[in-house]
């Protein structure tokens, strides 16, 4: 398997537990060097979050399990990076 280095997920989660608890739990996973959660929309009972995780040998399955344990559901995988190093997007004439 490839060395997953970055995952960007669109997640729908309940308001509780809050993102502080969720980010700390994700940060404790093996291979995670950093994690960021930003909220894009809040409803009465749920919020839409963008979760960015970086590290070495990330496990999508473990990350998914934690999100689901906290009542969340992954809507989409918006970005994924693998390999020996991270490659940042480059703006081209088509952009």
PDB file of N, CA and C in Angstrom:
ATOM      1  N   UNK A   1       0.839  -1.188   0.000  1.00  0.00           N
ATOM      2  CA  UNK A   1       0.000   0.000   0.000  1.00  0.00           C
ATOM      3  C   UNK A   1       0.877   1.241   0.000  1.00  0.00           C
ATOM      4  N   UNK A   2       0.325   2.333  -0.545  1.00  0.00           N
ATOM      5  CA  UNK A   2       1.038   3.604  -0.594  1.00  0.00           C
ATOM      6  C   UNK A   2       1.078   4.268   0.770  1.00  0.00           C
ATOM      7  N   UNK A   3       2.038   5.122   0.933  1.00  0.00           N
ATOM      8  CA  UNK A   3       2.212   5.848   2.187  1.00  0.00           C
ATOM      9  C   UNK A   3       1.294   7.067   2.174  1.00  0.00           C
ATOM     10  N   UNK A   4       0.110   6.974   2.789  1.00  0.00           N
ATOM     11  CA  UNK A   4      -0.807   8.106   2.844  1.00  0.00           C
ATOM     12  C   UNK A   4      -0.202   9.208   3.697  1.00  0.00           C
ATOM     13  N   UNK A   5      -0.104  10.412   3.132  1.00  0.00           N
ATOM     14  CA  UNK A   5       0.522  11.536   3.822  1.00  0.00           C
ATOM     15  C   UNK A   5      -0.461  12.648   4.167  1.00  0.00           C
ATOM     16  N   UNK A   6      -1.537  12.787   3.375  1.00  0.00           N
ATOM     17  CA  UNK A   6      -2.538  13.833   3.645  1.00  0.00           C
ATOM     18  C   UNK A   6      -3.912  13.328   3.222  1.00  0.00           C
ATOM     19  N   UNK A   7      -4.895  13.592   4.072  1.00  0.00           N
ATOM     20  CA  UNK A   7      -6.292  13.328   3.755  1.00  0.00           C
ATOM     21  C   UNK A   7      -7.096  14.571   4.094  1.00  0.00           C
ATOM     22  N   UNK A   8      -7.933  14.988   3.166  1.00  0.00           N
ATOM     23  CA  UNK A   8      -8.855  16.104   3.398  1.00  0.00           C
ATOM     24  C   UNK A   8     -10.259  15.548   3.214  1.00  0.00           C
ATOM     25  N   UNK A   9     -11.049  15.618   4.287  1.00  0.00           N
ATOM     26  CA  UNK A   9     -12.369  14.999   4.300  1.00  0.00           C
ATOM     27  C   UNK A   9     -13.465  16.022   4.550  1.00  0.00           C
ATOM     28  N   UNK A  10     -14.591  15.835   3.877  1.00  0.00           N
ATOM     29  CA  UNK A  10     -15.804  16.603   4.139  1.00  0.00           C
ATOM     30  C   UNK A  10     -16.654  15.723   5.052  1.00  0.00           C
ATOM     31  N   UNK A  11     -16.910  16.206   6.265  1.00  0.00           N
ATOM     32  CA  UNK A  11     -17.556  15.387   7.298  1.00  0.00           C
ATOM     33  C   UNK A  11     -18.786  16.093   7.851  1.00  0.00           C
ATOM     34  N   UNK A  12     -19.859  15.356   8.027  1.00  0.00           N
ATOM     35  CA  UNK A  12     -21.036  15.829   8.738  1.00  0.00           C
ATOM     36  C   UNK A  12     -20.989  15.207  10.122  1.00  0.00           C
ATOM     37  N   UNK A  13     -21.034  16.053  11.174  1.00  0.00           N
ATOM     38  CA  UNK A  13     -20.928  15.541  12.536  1.00  0.00           C
ATOM     39  C   UNK A  13     -21.961  16.224  13.421  1.00  0.00           C
ATOM     40  N   UNK A  14     -22.358  15.560  14.508  1.00  0.00           N
ATOM     41  CA  UNK A  14     -23.255  16.207  15.464  1.00  0.00           C
ATOM     42  C   UNK A  14     -22.541  17.362  16.174  1.00  0.00           C
ATOM     43  N   UNK A  15     -23.311  18.277  16.745  1.00  0.00           N
ATOM     44  CA  UNK A  15     -22.714  19.410  17.464  1.00  0.00           C
ATOM     45  C   UNK A  15     -21.890  18.941  18.657  1.00  0.00           C
ATOM     46  N   UNK A  16     -22.304  17.879  19.293  1.00  0.00           N
ATOM     47  CA  UNK A  16     -21.564  17.294  20.417  1.00  0.00           C
ATOM     48  C   UNK A  16     -21.179  15.873  20.071  1.00  0.00           C
ATOM     49  N   UNK A  17     -19.964  15.468  20.342  1.00  0.00           N
ATOM     50  CA  UNK A  17     -18.892  16.210  20.992  1.00  0.00           C
ATOM     51  C   UNK A  17     -18.363  17.315  20.077  1.00  0.00           C
ATOM     52  N   UNK A  18     -17.745  18.316  20.687  1.00  0.00           N
ATOM     53  CA  UNK A  18     -17.261  19.451  19.916  1.00  0.00           C
ATOM     54  C   UNK A  18     -15.977  19.093  19.159  1.00  0.00           C
ATOM     55  N   UNK A  19     -15.548  20.011  18.293  1.00  0.00           N
ATOM     56  CA  UNK A  19     -14.383  19.723  17.449  1.00  0.00           C
ATOM     57  C   UNK A  19     -13.082  19.662  18.231  1.00  0.00           C
ATOM     58  N   UNK A  20     -13.050  20.265  19.414  1.00  0.00           N
ATOM     59  CA  UNK A  20     -11.834  20.176  20.240  1.00  0.00           C
ATOM     60  C   UNK A  20     -11.607  18.720  20.649  1.00  0.00           C
ATOM     61  N   UNK A  21     -12.653  18.059  21.107  1.00  0.00           N
ATOM     62  CA  UNK A  21     -12.526  16.648  21.491  1.00  0.00           C
ATOM     63  C   UNK A  21     -12.160  15.787  20.291  1.00  0.00           C
ATOM     64  N   UNK A  22     -12.817  16.037  19.155  1.00  0.00           N
ATOM     65  CA  UNK A  22     -12.556  15.230  17.962  1.00  0.00           C
ATOM     66  C   UNK A  22     -11.135  15.431  17.447  1.00  0.00           C
ATOM     67  N   UNK A  23     -10.658  16.667  17.400  1.00  0.00           N
ATOM     68  CA  UNK A  23      -9.311  16.926  16.886  1.00  0.00           C
ATOM     69  C   UNK A  23      -8.249  16.278  17.781  1.00  0.00           C
ATOM     70  N   UNK A  24      -8.477  16.289  19.089  1.00  0.00           N
ATOM     71  CA  UNK A  24      -7.514  15.660  20.004  1.00  0.00           C
ATOM     72  C   UNK A  24      -7.485  14.145  19.808  1.00  0.00           C
ATOM     73  N   UNK A  25      -8.636  13.550  19.576  1.00  0.00           N
ATOM     74  CA  UNK A  25      -8.696  12.093  19.374  1.00  0.00           C
ATOM     75  C   UNK A  25      -8.013  11.702  18.070  1.00  0.00           C
ATOM     76  N   UNK A  26      -8.250  12.487  17.018  1.00  0.00           N
ATOM     77  CA  UNK A  26      -7.607  12.194  15.735  1.00  0.00           C
ATOM     78  C   UNK A  26      -6.093  12.394  15.847  1.00  0.00           C
ATOM     79  N   UNK A  27      -5.661  13.453  16.525  1.00  0.00           N
ATOM     80  CA  UNK A  27      -4.231  13.734  16.681  1.00  0.00           C
ATOM     81  C   UNK A  27      -3.501  12.610  17.413  1.00  0.00           C
ATOM     82  N   UNK A  28      -4.226  11.841  18.232  1.00  0.00           N
ATOM     83  CA  UNK A  28      -3.614  10.751  18.993  1.00  0.00           C
ATOM     84  C   UNK A  28      -3.411   9.484  18.160  1.00  0.00           C
ATOM     85  N   UNK A  29      -3.949   9.439  16.953  1.00  0.00           N
ATOM     86  CA  UNK A  29      -3.789   8.250  16.111  1.00  0.00           C
ATOM     87  C   UNK A  29      -2.343   8.083  15.663  1.00  0.00           C
ATOM     88  N   UNK A  30      -1.935   6.842  15.499  1.00  0.00           N
ATOM     89  CA  UNK A  30      -0.584   6.548  15.021  1.00  0.00           C
ATOM     90  C   UNK A  30      -0.365   7.163  13.646  1.00  0.00           C
ATOM     91  N   UNK A  31       0.796   7.778  13.465  1.00  0.00           N
ATOM     92  CA  UNK A  31       1.172   8.331  12.174  1.00  0.00           C
ATOM     93  C   UNK A  31       0.712   9.752  11.924  1.00  0.00           C
ATOM     94  N   UNK A  32      -0.149  10.293  12.799  1.00  0.00           N
ATOM     95  CA  UNK A  32      -0.675  11.645  12.587  1.00  0.00           C
ATOM     96  C   UNK A  32       0.328  12.669  13.134  1.00  0.00           C
ATOM     97  N   UNK A  33       0.782  13.580  12.255  1.00  0.00           N
ATOM     98  CA  UNK A  33       1.662  14.675  12.664  1.00  0.00           C
ATOM     99  C   UNK A  33       0.872  15.933  12.972  1.00  0.00           C
ATOM    100  N   UNK A  34      -0.258  16.099  12.307  1.00  0.00           N
ATOM    101  CA  UNK A  34      -1.082  17.277  12.532  1.00  0.00           C
ATOM    102  C   UNK A  34      -2.475  17.083  11.974  1.00  0.00           C
ATOM    103  N   UNK A  35      -3.423  17.786  12.576  1.00  0.00           N
ATOM    104  CA  UNK A  35      -4.814  17.723  12.114  1.00  0.00           C
ATOM    105  C   UNK A  35      -5.462  19.076  12.320  1.00  0.00           C
ATOM    106  N   UNK A  36      -6.295  19.451  11.367  1.00  0.00           N
ATOM    107  CA  UNK A  36      -7.023  20.710  11.428  1.00  0.00           C
ATOM    108  C   UNK A  36      -8.488  20.425  11.116  1.00  0.00           C
ATOM    109  N   UNK A  37      -9.378  21.006  11.909  1.00  0.00           N
ATOM    110  CA  UNK A  37     -10.808  20.907  11.637  1.00  0.00           C
ATOM    111  C   UNK A  37     -11.362  22.318  11.540  1.00  0.00           C
ATOM    112  N   UNK A  38     -12.037  22.598  10.438  1.00  0.00           N
ATOM    113  CA  UNK A  38     -12.715  23.887  10.297  1.00  0.00           C
ATOM    114  C   UNK A  38     -14.183  23.634   9.970  1.00  0.00           C
ATOM    115  N   UNK A  39     -15.038  24.445  10.568  1.00  0.00           N
ATOM    116  CA  UNK A  39     -16.479  24.305  10.391  1.00  0.00           C
ATOM    117  C   UNK A  39     -16.935  25.227   9.266  1.00  0.00           C
ATOM    118  N   UNK A  40     -17.720  24.670   8.338  1.00  0.00           N
ATOM    119  CA  UNK A  40     -18.197  25.440   7.198  1.00  0.00           C
ATOM    120  C   UNK A  40     -19.669  25.800   7.302  1.00  0.00           C
ATOM    121  N   UNK A  41     -20.419  25.010   8.052  1.00  0.00           N
ATOM    122  CA  UNK A  41     -21.847  25.267   8.180  1.00  0.00           C
ATOM    123  C   UNK A  41     -22.351  24.626   9.458  1.00  0.00           C
ATOM    124  N   UNK A  42     -23.240  25.336  10.151  1.00  0.00           N
ATOM    125  CA  UNK A  42     -23.832  24.819  11.382  1.00  0.00           C
ATOM    126  C   UNK A  42     -25.343  24.819  11.217  1.00  0.00           C
ATOM    127  N   UNK A  43     -25.959  23.689  11.594  1.00  0.00           N
ATOM    128  CA  UNK A  43     -27.405  23.546  11.574  1.00  0.00           C
ATOM    129  C   UNK A  43     -27.863  23.369  13.018  1.00  0.00           C
ATOM    130  N   UNK A  44     -29.120  23.055  13.217  1.00  0.00           N
ATOM    131  CA  UNK A  44     -29.635  22.884  14.579  1.00  0.00           C
ATOM    132  C   UNK A  44     -28.951  21.759  15.341  1.00  0.00           C
ATOM    133  N   UNK A  45     -28.672  20.655  14.662  1.00  0.00           N
ATOM    134  CA  UNK A  45     -28.117  19.486  15.351  1.00  0.00           C
ATOM    135  C   UNK A  45     -26.785  19.001  14.803  1.00  0.00           C
ATOM    136  N   UNK A  46     -26.378  19.503  13.636  1.00  0.00           N
ATOM    137  CA  UNK A  46     -25.157  19.014  12.988  1.00  0.00           C
ATOM    138  C   UNK A  46     -24.328  20.169  12.459  1.00  0.00           C
ATOM    139  N   UNK A  47     -23.080  19.860  12.156  1.00  0.00           N
ATOM    140  CA  UNK A  47     -22.208  20.836  11.514  1.00  0.00           C
ATOM    141  C   UNK A  47     -21.409  20.146  10.420  1.00  0.00           C
ATOM    142  N   UNK A  48     -21.089  20.916   9.383  1.00  0.00           N
ATOM    143  CA  UNK A  48     -20.313  20.410   8.265  1.00  0.00           C
ATOM    144  C   UNK A  48     -18.870  20.837   8.482  1.00  0.00           C
ATOM    145  N   UNK A  49     -17.970  19.871   8.542  1.00  0.00           N
ATOM    146  CA  UNK A  49     -16.577  20.146   8.870  1.00  0.00           C
ATOM    147  C   UNK A  49     -15.636  19.680   7.764  1.00  0.00           C
ATOM    148  N   UNK A  50     -14.566  20.437   7.587  1.00  0.00           N
ATOM    149  CA  UNK A  50     -13.465  20.022   6.723  1.00  0.00           C
ATOM    150  C   UNK A  50     -12.354  19.561   7.656  1.00  0.00           C
ATOM    151  N   UNK A  51     -11.944  18.308   7.508  1.00  0.00           N
ATOM    152  CA  UNK A  51     -10.895  17.740   8.357  1.00  0.00           C
ATOM    153  C   UNK A  51      -9.680  17.450   7.489  1.00  0.00           C
ATOM    154  N   UNK A  52      -8.547  18.073   7.844  1.00  0.00           N
ATOM    155  CA  UNK A  52      -7.290  17.858   7.130  1.00  0.00           C
ATOM    156  C   UNK A  52      -6.329  17.167   8.084  1.00  0.00           C
ATOM    157  N   UNK A  53      -5.801  16.031   7.643  1.00  0.00           N
ATOM    158  CA  UNK A  53      -4.879  15.243   8.469  1.00  0.00           C
ATOM    159  C   UNK A  53      -3.598  15.022   7.665  1.00  0.00           C
ATOM    160  N   UNK A  54      -2.449  15.276   8.306  1.00  0.00           N
ATOM    161  CA  UNK A  54      -1.165  15.009   7.672  1.00  0.00           C
ATOM    162  C   UNK A  54      -0.297  14.169   8.594  1.00  0.00           C
ATOM    163  N   UNK A  55       0.567  13.371   7.982  1.00  0.00           N
ATOM    164  CA  UNK A  55       1.476  12.526   8.747  1.00  0.00           C
ATOM    165  C   UNK A  55       2.126  11.500   7.851  1.00  0.00           C
ATOM    166  N   UNK A  56       2.651  10.468   8.457  1.00  0.00           N
ATOM    167  CA  UNK A  56       3.269   9.369   7.732  1.00  0.00           C
ATOM    168  C   UNK A  56       2.485   8.100   8.000  1.00  0.00           C
ATOM    169  N   UNK A  57       2.249   7.348   6.941  1.00  0.00           N
ATOM    170  CA  UNK A  57       1.534   6.074   7.065  1.00  0.00           C
ATOM    171  C   UNK A  57       0.167   6.254   7.723  1.00  0.00           C
ATOM    172  N   UNK A  58      -0.585   7.262   7.281  1.00  0.00           N
ATOM    173  CA  UNK A  58      -1.934   7.474   7.815  1.00  0.00           C
ATOM    174  C   UNK A  58      -2.822   6.297   7.464  1.00  0.00           C
ATOM    175  N   UNK A  59      -3.739   5.984   8.350  1.00  0.00           N
ATOM    176  CA  UNK A  59      -4.703   4.917   8.110  1.00  0.00           C
ATOM    177  C   UNK A  59      -6.079   5.534   7.923  1.00  0.00           C
ATOM    178  N   UNK A  60      -6.586   5.472   6.695  1.00  0.00           N
ATOM    179  CA  UNK A  60      -7.925   5.988   6.426  1.00  0.00           C
ATOM    180  C   UNK A  60      -8.954   5.246   7.266  1.00  0.00           C
ATOM    181  N   UNK A  61      -8.794   3.948   7.399  1.00  0.00           N
ATOM    182  CA  UNK A  61      -9.766   3.144   8.161  1.00  0.00           C
ATOM    183  C   UNK A  61      -9.807   3.561   9.628  1.00  0.00           C
ATOM    184  N   UNK A  62      -8.655   3.791  10.244  1.00  0.00           N
ATOM    185  CA  UNK A  62      -8.634   4.234  11.640  1.00  0.00           C
ATOM    186  C   UNK A  62      -9.255   5.618  11.789  1.00  0.00           C
ATOM    187  N   UNK A  63      -8.960   6.495  10.863  1.00  0.00           N
ATOM    188  CA  UNK A  63      -9.539   7.836  10.881  1.00  0.00           C
ATOM    189  C   UNK A  63     -11.061   7.762  10.738  1.00  0.00           C
ATOM    190  N   UNK A  64     -11.524   6.949   9.817  1.00  0.00           N
ATOM    191  CA  UNK A  64     -12.962   6.760   9.608  1.00  0.00           C
ATOM    192  C   UNK A  64     -13.625   6.218  10.870  1.00  0.00           C
ATOM    193  N   UNK A  65     -12.989   5.256  11.530  1.00  0.00           N
ATOM    194  CA  UNK A  65     -13.537   4.681  12.763  1.00  0.00           C
ATOM    195  C   UNK A  65     -13.714   5.744  13.848  1.00  0.00           C
ATOM    196  N   UNK A  66     -12.720   6.626  14.015  1.00  0.00           N
ATOM    197  CA  UNK A  66     -12.809   7.679  15.032  1.00  0.00           C
ATOM    198  C   UNK A  66     -13.945   8.639  14.702  1.00  0.00           C
ATOM    199  N   UNK A  67     -14.030   9.052  13.452  1.00  0.00           N
ATOM    200  CA  UNK A  67     -15.089   9.976  13.042  1.00  0.00           C
ATOM    201  C   UNK A  67     -16.457   9.356  13.302  1.00  0.00           C
ATOM    202  N   UNK A  68     -16.623   8.100  12.952  1.00  0.00           N
ATOM    203  CA  UNK A  68     -17.901   7.419  13.172  1.00  0.00           C
ATOM    204  C   UNK A  68     -18.182   7.210  14.655  1.00  0.00           C
ATOM    205  N   UNK A  69     -17.150   6.934  15.445  1.00  0.00           N
ATOM    206  CA  UNK A  69     -17.306   6.781  16.890  1.00  0.00           C
ATOM    207  C   UNK A  69     -17.862   8.059  17.511  1.00  0.00           C
ATOM    208  N   UNK A  70     -17.478   9.201  16.967  1.00  0.00           N
ATOM    209  CA  UNK A  70     -17.950  10.494  17.456  1.00  0.00           C
ATOM    210  C   UNK A  70     -19.237  10.939  16.758  1.00  0.00           C
ATOM    211  N   UNK A  71     -19.878  10.023  16.041  1.00  0.00           N
ATOM    212  CA  UNK A  71     -21.175  10.293  15.434  1.00  0.00           C
ATOM    213  C   UNK A  71     -21.130  10.946  14.072  1.00  0.00           C
ATOM    214  N   UNK A  72     -19.949  11.044  13.472  1.00  0.00           N
ATOM    215  CA  UNK A  72     -19.804  11.701  12.183  1.00  0.00           C
ATOM    216  C   UNK A  72     -19.923  10.745  11.013  1.00  0.00           C
ATOM    217  N   UNK A  73     -20.092  11.337   9.833  1.00  0.00           N
ATOM    218  CA  UNK A  73     -20.143  10.573   8.586  1.00  0.00           C
ATOM    219  C   UNK A  73     -19.315  11.306   7.540  1.00  0.00           C
ATOM    220  N   UNK A  74     -18.473  10.570   6.832  1.00  0.00           N
ATOM    221  CA  UNK A  74     -17.649  11.152   5.783  1.00  0.00           C
ATOM    222  C   UNK A  74     -18.497  11.293   4.530  1.00  0.00           C
ATOM    223  N   UNK A  75     -18.664  12.543   4.065  1.00  0.00           N
ATOM    224  CA  UNK A  75     -19.401  12.799   2.828  1.00  0.00           C
ATOM    225  C   UNK A  75     -18.528  12.555   1.614  1.00  0.00           C
ATOM    226  N   UNK A  76     -17.270  12.998   1.693  1.00  0.00           N
ATOM    227  CA  UNK A  76     -16.379  12.826   0.554  1.00  0.00           C
ATOM    228  C   UNK A  76     -14.925  12.935   0.996  1.00  0.00           C
ATOM    229  N   UNK A  77     -14.060  12.354   0.184  1.00  0.00           N
ATOM    230  CA  UNK A  77     -12.620  12.527   0.323  1.00  0.00           C
ATOM    231  C   UNK A  77     -12.261  13.590  -0.700  1.00  0.00           C
ATOM    232  N   UNK A  78     -11.907  14.779  -0.231  1.00  0.00           N
ATOM    233  CA  UNK A  78     -11.681  15.909  -1.126  1.00  0.00           C
ATOM    234  C   UNK A  78     -10.249  16.034  -1.624  1.00  0.00           C
ATOM    235  N   UNK A  79      -9.308  15.449  -0.898  1.00  0.00           N
ATOM    236  CA  UNK A  79      -7.914  15.448  -1.335  1.00  0.00           C
ATOM    237  C   UNK A  79      -7.202  14.293  -0.663  1.00  0.00           C
ATOM    238  N   UNK A  80      -6.268  13.707  -1.392  1.00  0.00           N
ATOM    239  CA  UNK A  80      -5.440  12.657  -0.816  1.00  0.00           C
ATOM    240  C   UNK A  80      -4.039  12.802  -1.408  1.00  0.00           C
ATOM    241  N   UNK A  81      -3.026  12.587  -0.570  1.00  0.00           N
ATOM    242  CA  UNK A  81      -1.640  12.641  -1.034  1.00  0.00           C
ATOM    243  C   UNK A  81      -0.909  11.437  -0.464  1.00  0.00           C
ATOM    244  N   UNK A  82      -0.012  10.882  -1.265  1.00  0.00           N
ATOM    245  CA  UNK A  82       0.762   9.722  -0.841  1.00  0.00           C
ATOM    246  C   UNK A  82       2.164   9.824  -1.426  1.00  0.00           C
ATOM    247  N   UNK A  83       3.066   9.032  -0.880  1.00  0.00           N
ATOM    248  CA  UNK A  83       4.418   8.991  -1.411  1.00  0.00           C
ATOM    249  C   UNK A  83       5.448   9.443  -0.402  1.00  0.00           C
ATOM    250  N   UNK A  84       6.649   9.655  -0.873  1.00  0.00           N
ATOM    251  CA  UNK A  84       7.767  10.006   0.002  1.00  0.00           C
ATOM    252  C   UNK A  84       7.670  11.435   0.521  1.00  0.00           C
ATOM    253  N   UNK A  85       6.974  12.316  -0.231  1.00  0.00           N
ATOM    254  CA  UNK A  85       6.823  13.694   0.215  1.00  0.00           C
ATOM    255  C   UNK A  85       5.519  14.254  -0.308  1.00  0.00           C
ATOM    256  N   UNK A  86       5.094  15.377   0.296  1.00  0.00           N
ATOM    257  CA  UNK A  86       3.867  16.036  -0.130  1.00  0.00           C
ATOM    258  C   UNK A  86       4.135  16.919  -1.340  1.00  0.00           C
ATOM    259  N   UNK A  87       3.224  16.915  -2.277  1.00  0.00           N
ATOM    260  CA  UNK A  87       3.282  17.769  -3.445  1.00  0.00           C
ATOM    261  C   UNK A  87       2.123  18.755  -3.336  1.00  0.00           C
ATOM    262  N   UNK A  88       2.423  20.033  -3.348  1.00  0.00           N
ATOM    263  CA  UNK A  88       1.385  21.052  -3.271  1.00  0.00           C
ATOM    264  C   UNK A  88       0.832  21.310  -4.665  1.00  0.00           C
ATOM    265  N   UNK A  89      -0.454  21.676  -4.725  1.00  0.00           N
ATOM    266  CA  UNK A  89      -1.058  22.036  -6.007  1.00  0.00           C
ATOM    267  C   UNK A  89      -0.334  23.238  -6.603  1.00  0.00           C
ATOM    268  N   UNK A  90      -0.233  23.251  -7.923  1.00  0.00           N
ATOM    269  CA  UNK A  90       0.387  24.350  -8.635  1.00  0.00           C
ATOM    270  C   UNK A  90      -0.679  25.006  -9.501  1.00  0.00           C
ATOM    271  N   UNK A  91      -0.747  26.324  -9.453  1.00  0.00           N
ATOM    272  CA  UNK A  91      -1.694  27.041 -10.292  1.00  0.00           C
ATOM    273  C   UNK A  91      -1.159  27.056 -11.729  1.00  0.00           C
ATOM    274  N   UNK A  92      -2.014  26.658 -12.654  1.00  0.00           N
ATOM    275  CA  UNK A  92      -1.635  26.622 -14.079  1.00  0.00           C
ATOM    276  C   UNK A  92      -2.532  27.576 -14.851  1.00  0.00           C
ATOM    277  N   UNK A  93      -2.251  27.729 -16.132  1.00  0.00           N
ATOM    278  CA  UNK A  93      -3.052  28.607 -16.986  1.00  0.00           C
ATOM    279  C   UNK A  93      -4.518  28.151 -17.045  1.00  0.00           C
ATOM    280  N   UNK A  94      -4.762  26.866 -16.899  1.00  0.00           N
ATOM    281  CA  UNK A  94      -6.134  26.342 -16.938  1.00  0.00           C
ATOM    282  C   UNK A  94      -6.923  26.753 -15.695  1.00  0.00           C
ATOM    283  N   UNK A  95      -6.218  27.093 -14.600  1.00  0.00           N
ATOM    284  CA  UNK A  95      -6.901  27.484 -13.374  1.00  0.00           C
ATOM    285  C   UNK A  95      -7.341  28.913 -13.486  1.00  0.00           C
TER     286      UNK A  95
END
